[in-house]
Amino acid sequence: MIRRLLLLWAALALYFGFRLAPDVWTPLYRHPAYAAYLWSLPLAVGALAWVALRGLAAAYGGTQPRGQALGRALGAAGGLAVFAATIALGAWTTRGLPLGSHAEAFRSERWREAGSRRSLRDLTPRQKMVGDLVRRVLPGRGRADIVALLGEAGDALQGGSDGQLVFHLGAKRGPLAPDDEWLVIELDEADRFAGARIHGN
C-alpha cells in the first residue's frame, strides 16, 4: 500500500508541478492546452478533497473496512499536500512575480526596442526581463536613472500617485487574458526606487 501511495503522490507531483512549466518554457502561457490544464486544477483539487472526506466518513461510519477507507483518505490528503507544496514552491521560485518573469537578464537596449511589448506566441521581452530588472537592476536608483534605463514612463494608472513610474509590459499573461500588464515602480520621498509591482496580473 505504501508503494501505491508513493506512486500516486509522485504522479500528482508531476501533474500539479506542470503549473510551473511556463517559468521554464514561456510560450506555454499562450497555448490553449495550458489554459485547459489550468481549468482542470480546481476540479482535481475538489476531487481529492471529496475522496479524503468520503474516506474518513466511511472509515469512522463503519460502512467500509477501516484500513481500506483510511488508505484512500490518506492518499487524497497527501495529494492535497502535494498541491500545497507546488503552490509554495511556485511562490518561492518566482519571488512574488508571475511565472516567466525571470526568463531573461535585463538589457536596456532590448527593453527600449519598439517590439519589446509585443508577442503573439510567447511572453514579451519586457515580461521576461522584469524579474531581473526589479530584483537586481532597480534597487538604489533614482527617477532620472530609471528613466534613462527604461525610457519615458507612460501615464499613471488610475488612482496612482506622482511617486510612481508606469511601464507597459504587454498583453496580460495567459491564453485567455485580453487585458494589458503594467510594471508600476514606486518611488520614495527622495525619488528613489522603493519597490515595484505588476498591475493587471
C-alpha atoms as a PDB file:
ATOM      1  CA  MET A   1       0.000   0.000   0.000  1.00  0.00           C
ATOM      2  CA  ILE A   2       2.842   2.398   0.802  1.00  0.00           C
ATOM      3  CA  ARG A   3       4.294   1.843  -2.648  1.00  0.00           C
ATOM      4  CA  ARG A   4       0.950   2.645  -4.289  1.00  0.00           C
ATOM      5  CA  LEU A   5       0.650   5.820  -2.227  1.00  0.00           C
ATOM      6  CA  LEU A   6       4.146   6.933  -3.202  1.00  0.00           C
ATOM      7  CA  LEU A   7       3.396   6.309  -6.882  1.00  0.00           C
ATOM      8  CA  LEU A   8       0.141   8.260  -6.585  1.00  0.00           C
ATOM      9  CA  TRP A   9       1.856  11.207  -4.904  1.00  0.00           C
ATOM     10  CA  ALA A  10       4.672  11.182  -7.495  1.00  0.00           C
ATOM     11  CA  ALA A  11       2.115  11.268 -10.319  1.00  0.00           C
ATOM     12  CA  LEU A  12       0.254  14.120  -8.629  1.00  0.00           C
ATOM     13  CA  ALA A  13       3.531  15.996  -8.117  1.00  0.00           C
ATOM     14  CA  LEU A  14       4.130  15.836 -11.879  1.00  0.00           C
ATOM     15  CA  TYR A  15       0.562  16.873 -12.622  1.00  0.00           C
ATOM     16  CA  PHE A  16       0.435  19.796 -10.197  1.00  0.00           C
ATOM     17  CA  GLY A  17       4.056  20.750 -10.860  1.00  0.00           C
ATOM     18  CA  PHE A  18       3.272  21.287 -14.538  1.00  0.00           C
ATOM     19  CA  ARG A  19       1.644  24.552 -13.433  1.00  0.00           C
ATOM     20  CA  LEU A  20       5.190  25.932 -13.078  1.00  0.00           C
ATOM     21  CA  ALA A  21       6.259  24.909 -16.600  1.00  0.00           C
ATOM     22  CA  PRO A  22       5.882  28.429 -18.119  1.00  0.00           C
ATOM     23  CA  ASP A  23       8.734  29.528 -15.885  1.00  0.00           C
ATOM     24  CA  VAL A  24      10.963  27.235 -17.982  1.00  0.00           C
ATOM     25  CA  TRP A  25       9.241  27.406 -21.382  1.00  0.00           C
ATOM     26  CA  THR A  26       7.374  30.699 -21.541  1.00  0.00           C
ATOM     27  CA  PRO A  27       5.352  30.065 -24.786  1.00  0.00           C
ATOM     28  CA  LEU A  28       3.138  27.749 -22.741  1.00  0.00           C
ATOM     29  CA  TYR A  29       1.428  30.851 -21.363  1.00  0.00           C
ATOM     30  CA  ARG A  30      -0.160  31.455 -24.774  1.00  0.00           C
ATOM     31  CA  HIS A  31      -1.051  27.822 -25.541  1.00  0.00           C
ATOM     32  CA  PRO A  32      -4.740  26.807 -25.305  1.00  0.00           C
ATOM     33  CA  ALA A  33      -3.765  23.394 -23.892  1.00  0.00           C
ATOM     34  CA  TYR A  34      -2.194  25.115 -20.900  1.00  0.00           C
ATOM     35  CA  ALA A  35      -5.417  27.046 -20.329  1.00  0.00           C
ATOM     36  CA  ALA A  36      -7.343  23.752 -20.327  1.00  0.00           C
ATOM     37  CA  TYR A  37      -4.836  22.340 -17.858  1.00  0.00           C
ATOM     38  CA  LEU A  38      -5.324  25.335 -15.532  1.00  0.00           C
ATOM     39  CA  TRP A  39      -9.096  24.827 -15.646  1.00  0.00           C
ATOM     40  CA  SER A  40      -8.581  21.194 -14.625  1.00  0.00           C
ATOM     41  CA  LEU A  41      -6.709  22.080 -11.425  1.00  0.00           C
ATOM     42  CA  PRO A  42      -9.740  23.176  -9.337  1.00  0.00           C
ATOM     43  CA  LEU A  43     -11.571  20.030 -10.416  1.00  0.00           C
ATOM     44  CA  ALA A  44      -8.646  17.838  -9.371  1.00  0.00           C
ATOM     45  CA  VAL A  45      -8.276  19.568  -6.001  1.00  0.00           C
ATOM     46  CA  GLY A  46     -12.023  19.320  -5.393  1.00  0.00           C
ATOM     47  CA  ALA A  47     -11.998  15.613  -6.266  1.00  0.00           C
ATOM     48  CA  LEU A  48      -9.118  14.960  -3.859  1.00  0.00           C
ATOM     49  CA  ALA A  49     -10.890  16.813  -1.056  1.00  0.00           C
ATOM     50  CA  TRP A  50     -14.090  14.843  -1.721  1.00  0.00           C
ATOM     51  CA  VAL A  51     -12.249  11.492  -1.692  1.00  0.00           C
ATOM     52  CA  ALA A  52     -10.450  12.401   1.538  1.00  0.00           C
ATOM     53  CA  LEU A  53     -13.664  13.384   3.323  1.00  0.00           C
ATOM     54  CA  ARG A  54     -15.589  10.409   1.989  1.00  0.00           C
ATOM     55  CA  GLY A  55     -12.812   8.049   3.063  1.00  0.00           C
ATOM     56  CA  LEU A  56     -12.820   9.436   6.592  1.00  0.00           C
ATOM     57  CA  ALA A  57     -16.600   9.217   6.780  1.00  0.00           C
ATOM     58  CA  ALA A  58     -16.554   5.613   5.556  1.00  0.00           C
ATOM     59  CA  ALA A  59     -13.785   4.620   7.966  1.00  0.00           C
ATOM     60  CA  TYR A  60     -15.442   6.038  11.051  1.00  0.00           C
ATOM     61  CA  GLY A  61     -19.002   5.392   9.917  1.00  0.00           C
ATOM     62  CA  GLY A  62     -18.398   1.677   9.648  1.00  0.00           C
ATOM     63  CA  THR A  63     -19.635   1.414   6.045  1.00  0.00           C
ATOM     64  CA  GLN A  64     -16.298   0.110   4.740  1.00  0.00           C
ATOM     65  CA  PRO A  65     -13.254  -1.652   6.219  1.00  0.00           C
ATOM     66  CA  ARG A  66     -11.390   0.996   8.164  1.00  0.00           C
ATOM     67  CA  GLY A  67      -7.940   0.281   6.734  1.00  0.00           C
ATOM     68  CA  GLN A  68      -9.132   0.485   3.141  1.00  0.00           C
ATOM     69  CA  ALA A  69     -11.120   3.677   3.707  1.00  0.00           C
ATOM     70  CA  LEU A  70      -8.305   5.337   5.660  1.00  0.00           C
ATOM     71  CA  GLY A  71      -5.864   4.406   2.887  1.00  0.00           C
ATOM     72  CA  ARG A  72      -7.996   6.257   0.345  1.00  0.00           C
ATOM     73  CA  ALA A  73      -8.316   9.241   2.671  1.00  0.00           C
ATOM     74  CA  LEU A  74      -4.556   9.289   3.252  1.00  0.00           C
ATOM     75  CA  GLY A  75      -3.831   9.107  -0.469  1.00  0.00           C
ATOM     76  CA  ALA A  76      -6.156  12.011  -1.223  1.00  0.00           C
ATOM     77  CA  ALA A  77      -4.896  14.085   1.720  1.00  0.00           C
ATOM     78  CA  GLY A  78      -1.337  13.504   0.563  1.00  0.00           C
ATOM     79  CA  GLY A  79      -2.351  14.686  -2.897  1.00  0.00           C
ATOM     80  CA  LEU A  80      -3.681  17.903  -1.395  1.00  0.00           C
ATOM     81  CA  ALA A  81      -0.393  18.325   0.466  1.00  0.00           C
ATOM     82  CA  VAL A  82       1.484  17.878  -2.827  1.00  0.00           C
ATOM     83  CA  PHE A  83      -0.689  20.591  -4.392  1.00  0.00           C
ATOM     84  CA  ALA A  84       0.043  22.960  -1.494  1.00  0.00           C
ATOM     85  CA  ALA A  85       3.760  22.210  -1.837  1.00  0.00           C
ATOM     86  CA  THR A  86       3.743  23.122  -5.543  1.00  0.00           C
ATOM     87  CA  ILE A  87       1.966  26.395  -4.738  1.00  0.00           C
ATOM     88  CA  ALA A  88       4.616  27.203  -2.111  1.00  0.00           C
ATOM     89  CA  LEU A  89       7.427  26.219  -4.497  1.00  0.00           C
ATOM     90  CA  GLY A  90       5.996  28.472  -7.191  1.00  0.00           C
ATOM     91  CA  ALA A  91       5.783  31.424  -4.797  1.00  0.00           C
ATOM     92  CA  TRP A  92       9.391  30.857  -3.722  1.00  0.00           C
ATOM     93  CA  THR A  93      10.889  30.419  -7.204  1.00  0.00           C
ATOM     94  CA  THR A  94       9.061  33.351  -8.782  1.00  0.00           C
ATOM     95  CA  ARG A  95       9.694  35.644  -5.786  1.00  0.00           C
ATOM     96  CA  GLY A  96       6.254  37.206  -5.942  1.00  0.00           C
ATOM     97  CA  LEU A  97       6.257  37.877  -9.688  1.00  0.00           C
ATOM     98  CA  PRO A  98       4.301  35.962 -12.349  1.00  0.00           C
ATOM     99  CA  LEU A  99       5.803  32.860 -13.952  1.00  0.00           C
ATOM    100  CA  GLY A 100       8.295  33.658 -16.705  1.00  0.00           C
ATOM    101  CA  SER A 101       9.422  36.965 -15.200  1.00  0.00           C
ATOM    102  CA  HIS A 102      12.994  35.720 -14.678  1.00  0.00           C
ATOM    103  CA  ALA A 103      13.453  34.117 -18.113  1.00  0.00           C
ATOM    104  CA  GLU A 104      15.989  36.696 -19.376  1.00  0.00           C
ATOM    105  CA  ALA A 105      18.605  39.023 -17.962  1.00  0.00           C
ATOM    106  CA  PHE A 106      17.743  42.708 -18.229  1.00  0.00           C
ATOM    107  CA  ARG A 107      19.210  44.628 -21.164  1.00  0.00           C
ATOM    108  CA  SER A 108      18.323  48.296 -21.516  1.00  0.00           C
ATOM    109  CA  GLU A 109      18.563  48.352 -25.311  1.00  0.00           C
ATOM    110  CA  ARG A 110      16.296  45.297 -25.571  1.00  0.00           C
ATOM    111  CA  TRP A 111      13.760  46.837 -23.172  1.00  0.00           C
ATOM    112  CA  ARG A 112      13.612  50.049 -25.203  1.00  0.00           C
ATOM    113  CA  GLU A 113      13.126  48.335 -28.589  1.00  0.00           C
ATOM    114  CA  ALA A 114       9.838  49.081 -30.359  1.00  0.00           C
ATOM    115  CA  GLY A 115       8.777  45.419 -30.326  1.00  0.00           C
ATOM    116  CA  SER A 116       9.634  44.739 -26.685  1.00  0.00           C
ATOM    117  CA  ARG A 117       5.940  44.907 -25.680  1.00  0.00           C
ATOM    118  CA  ARG A 118       4.549  42.680 -28.424  1.00  0.00           C
ATOM    119  CA  SER A 119       4.452  38.910 -28.813  1.00  0.00           C
ATOM    120  CA  LEU A 120       1.745  36.658 -30.206  1.00  0.00           C
ATOM    121  CA  ARG A 121       3.061  33.235 -29.181  1.00  0.00           C
ATOM    122  CA  ASP A 122       5.231  33.948 -26.177  1.00  0.00           C
ATOM    123  CA  LEU A 123       5.751  36.424 -23.362  1.00  0.00           C
ATOM    124  CA  THR A 124       7.088  39.789 -24.436  1.00  0.00           C
ATOM    125  CA  PRO A 125      10.791  40.561 -23.910  1.00  0.00           C
ATOM    126  CA  ARG A 126       9.822  43.028 -21.175  1.00  0.00           C
ATOM    127  CA  GLN A 127       7.807  40.384 -19.327  1.00  0.00           C
ATOM    128  CA  LYS A 128      10.777  38.008 -19.457  1.00  0.00           C
ATOM    129  CA  MET A 129      13.228  40.621 -18.131  1.00  0.00           C
ATOM    130  CA  VAL A 130      11.097  42.232 -15.432  1.00  0.00           C
ATOM    131  CA  GLY A 131      12.256  39.888 -12.661  1.00  0.00           C
ATOM    132  CA  ASP A 132      15.938  40.669 -13.161  1.00  0.00           C
ATOM    133  CA  LEU A 133      15.085  44.348 -13.552  1.00  0.00           C
ATOM    134  CA  VAL A 134      13.196  44.563 -10.251  1.00  0.00           C
ATOM    135  CA  ARG A 135      15.499  42.352  -8.172  1.00  0.00           C
ATOM    136  CA  ARG A 136      18.952  43.330  -9.433  1.00  0.00           C
ATOM    137  CA  VAL A 137      18.903  46.498 -11.533  1.00  0.00           C
ATOM    138  CA  LEU A 138      16.485  48.984  -9.950  1.00  0.00           C
ATOM    139  CA  PRO A 139      17.376  48.931  -6.219  1.00  0.00           C
ATOM    140  CA  GLY A 140      19.239  52.118  -5.248  1.00  0.00           C
ATOM    141  CA  ARG A 141      18.414  54.012  -8.438  1.00  0.00           C
ATOM    142  CA  GLY A 142      16.669  57.387  -8.666  1.00  0.00           C
ATOM    143  CA  ARG A 143      13.959  58.557 -11.049  1.00  0.00           C
ATOM    144  CA  ALA A 144      16.311  60.053 -13.653  1.00  0.00           C
ATOM    145  CA  ASP A 145      18.479  56.931 -13.699  1.00  0.00           C
ATOM    146  CA  ILE A 146      15.422  54.674 -14.081  1.00  0.00           C
ATOM    147  CA  VAL A 147      14.058  56.752 -16.965  1.00  0.00           C
ATOM    148  CA  ALA A 148      17.495  56.687 -18.618  1.00  0.00           C
ATOM    149  CA  LEU A 149      17.453  52.878 -18.430  1.00  0.00           C
ATOM    150  CA  LEU A 150      13.821  52.235 -19.360  1.00  0.00           C
ATOM    151  CA  GLY A 151      12.768  55.232 -21.425  1.00  0.00           C
ATOM    152  CA  GLU A 152       9.913  57.586 -20.695  1.00  0.00           C
ATOM    153  CA  ALA A 153       7.206  56.175 -18.444  1.00  0.00           C
ATOM    154  CA  GLY A 154       3.586  56.009 -19.511  1.00  0.00           C
ATOM    155  CA  ASP A 155       0.645  57.732 -17.890  1.00  0.00           C
ATOM    156  CA  ALA A 156      -0.003  56.960 -14.241  1.00  0.00           C
ATOM    157  CA  LEU A 157      -2.604  54.323 -13.566  1.00  0.00           C
ATOM    158  CA  GLN A 158      -5.993  55.482 -12.350  1.00  0.00           C
ATOM    159  CA  GLY A 159      -5.721  56.232  -8.657  1.00  0.00           C
ATOM    160  CA  GLY A 160      -1.912  56.303  -8.858  1.00  0.00           C
ATOM    161  CA  SER A 161       0.387  58.922  -7.378  1.00  0.00           C
ATOM    162  CA  ASP A 162       3.226  61.159  -8.526  1.00  0.00           C
ATOM    163  CA  GLY A 163       5.614  58.785  -6.807  1.00  0.00           C
ATOM    164  CA  GLN A 164       5.149  56.146  -9.485  1.00  0.00           C
ATOM    165  CA  LEU A 165       6.626  55.294 -12.856  1.00  0.00           C
ATOM    166  CA  VAL A 166       4.474  53.058 -15.065  1.00  0.00           C
ATOM    167  CA  PHE A 167       5.740  50.961 -17.995  1.00  0.00           C
ATOM    168  CA  HIS A 168       3.687  48.801 -20.341  1.00  0.00           C
ATOM    169  CA  LEU A 169       4.856  45.163 -20.368  1.00  0.00           C
ATOM    170  CA  GLY A 170       2.486  43.713 -22.958  1.00  0.00           C
ATOM    171  CA  ALA A 171      -0.673  41.649 -23.076  1.00  0.00           C
ATOM    172  CA  LYS A 172      -1.670  40.015 -19.802  1.00  0.00           C
ATOM    173  CA  ARG A 173      -0.214  36.544 -19.360  1.00  0.00           C
ATOM    174  CA  GLY A 174      -2.368  33.570 -20.197  1.00  0.00           C
ATOM    175  CA  PRO A 175      -4.136  32.350 -23.350  1.00  0.00           C
ATOM    176  CA  LEU A 176      -7.499  33.762 -22.259  1.00  0.00           C
ATOM    177  CA  ALA A 177      -6.290  37.089 -20.861  1.00  0.00           C
ATOM    178  CA  PRO A 178      -7.367  40.059 -23.016  1.00  0.00           C
ATOM    179  CA  ASP A 179      -6.075  42.864 -20.776  1.00  0.00           C
ATOM    180  CA  ASP A 180      -2.671  44.513 -20.532  1.00  0.00           C
ATOM    181  CA  GLU A 181       0.063  44.175 -17.942  1.00  0.00           C
ATOM    182  CA  TRP A 182       1.997  47.102 -16.448  1.00  0.00           C
ATOM    183  CA  LEU A 183       5.099  47.480 -14.285  1.00  0.00           C
ATOM    184  CA  VAL A 184       4.441  50.034 -11.545  1.00  0.00           C
ATOM    185  CA  ILE A 185       7.641  51.325  -9.943  1.00  0.00           C
ATOM    186  CA  GLU A 186       7.149  53.009  -6.574  1.00  0.00           C
ATOM    187  CA  LEU A 187       9.468  55.878  -5.586  1.00  0.00           C
ATOM    188  CA  ASP A 188      10.198  57.083  -2.060  1.00  0.00           C
ATOM    189  CA  GLU A 189      10.282  60.674  -0.792  1.00  0.00           C
ATOM    190  CA  ALA A 190      13.804  61.080  -2.150  1.00  0.00           C
ATOM    191  CA  ASP A 191      12.554  60.000  -5.610  1.00  0.00           C
ATOM    192  CA  ARG A 192      14.457  56.711  -5.428  1.00  0.00           C
ATOM    193  CA  PHE A 193      13.301  53.174  -6.108  1.00  0.00           C
ATOM    194  CA  ALA A 194      11.186  51.861  -3.224  1.00  0.00           C
ATOM    195  CA  GLY A 195       9.544  48.806  -4.768  1.00  0.00           C
ATOM    196  CA  ALA A 196       7.638  47.506  -7.758  1.00  0.00           C
ATOM    197  CA  ARG A 197       4.528  45.536  -8.605  1.00  0.00           C
ATOM    198  CA  ILE A 198       2.863  44.223 -11.717  1.00  0.00           C
ATOM    199  CA  HIS A 199      -0.588  45.628 -12.340  1.00  0.00           C
ATOM    200  CA  GLY A 200      -3.060  43.538 -14.307  1.00  0.00           C
ATOM    201  CA  ASN A 201      -1.839  40.101 -13.279  1.00  0.00           C
END
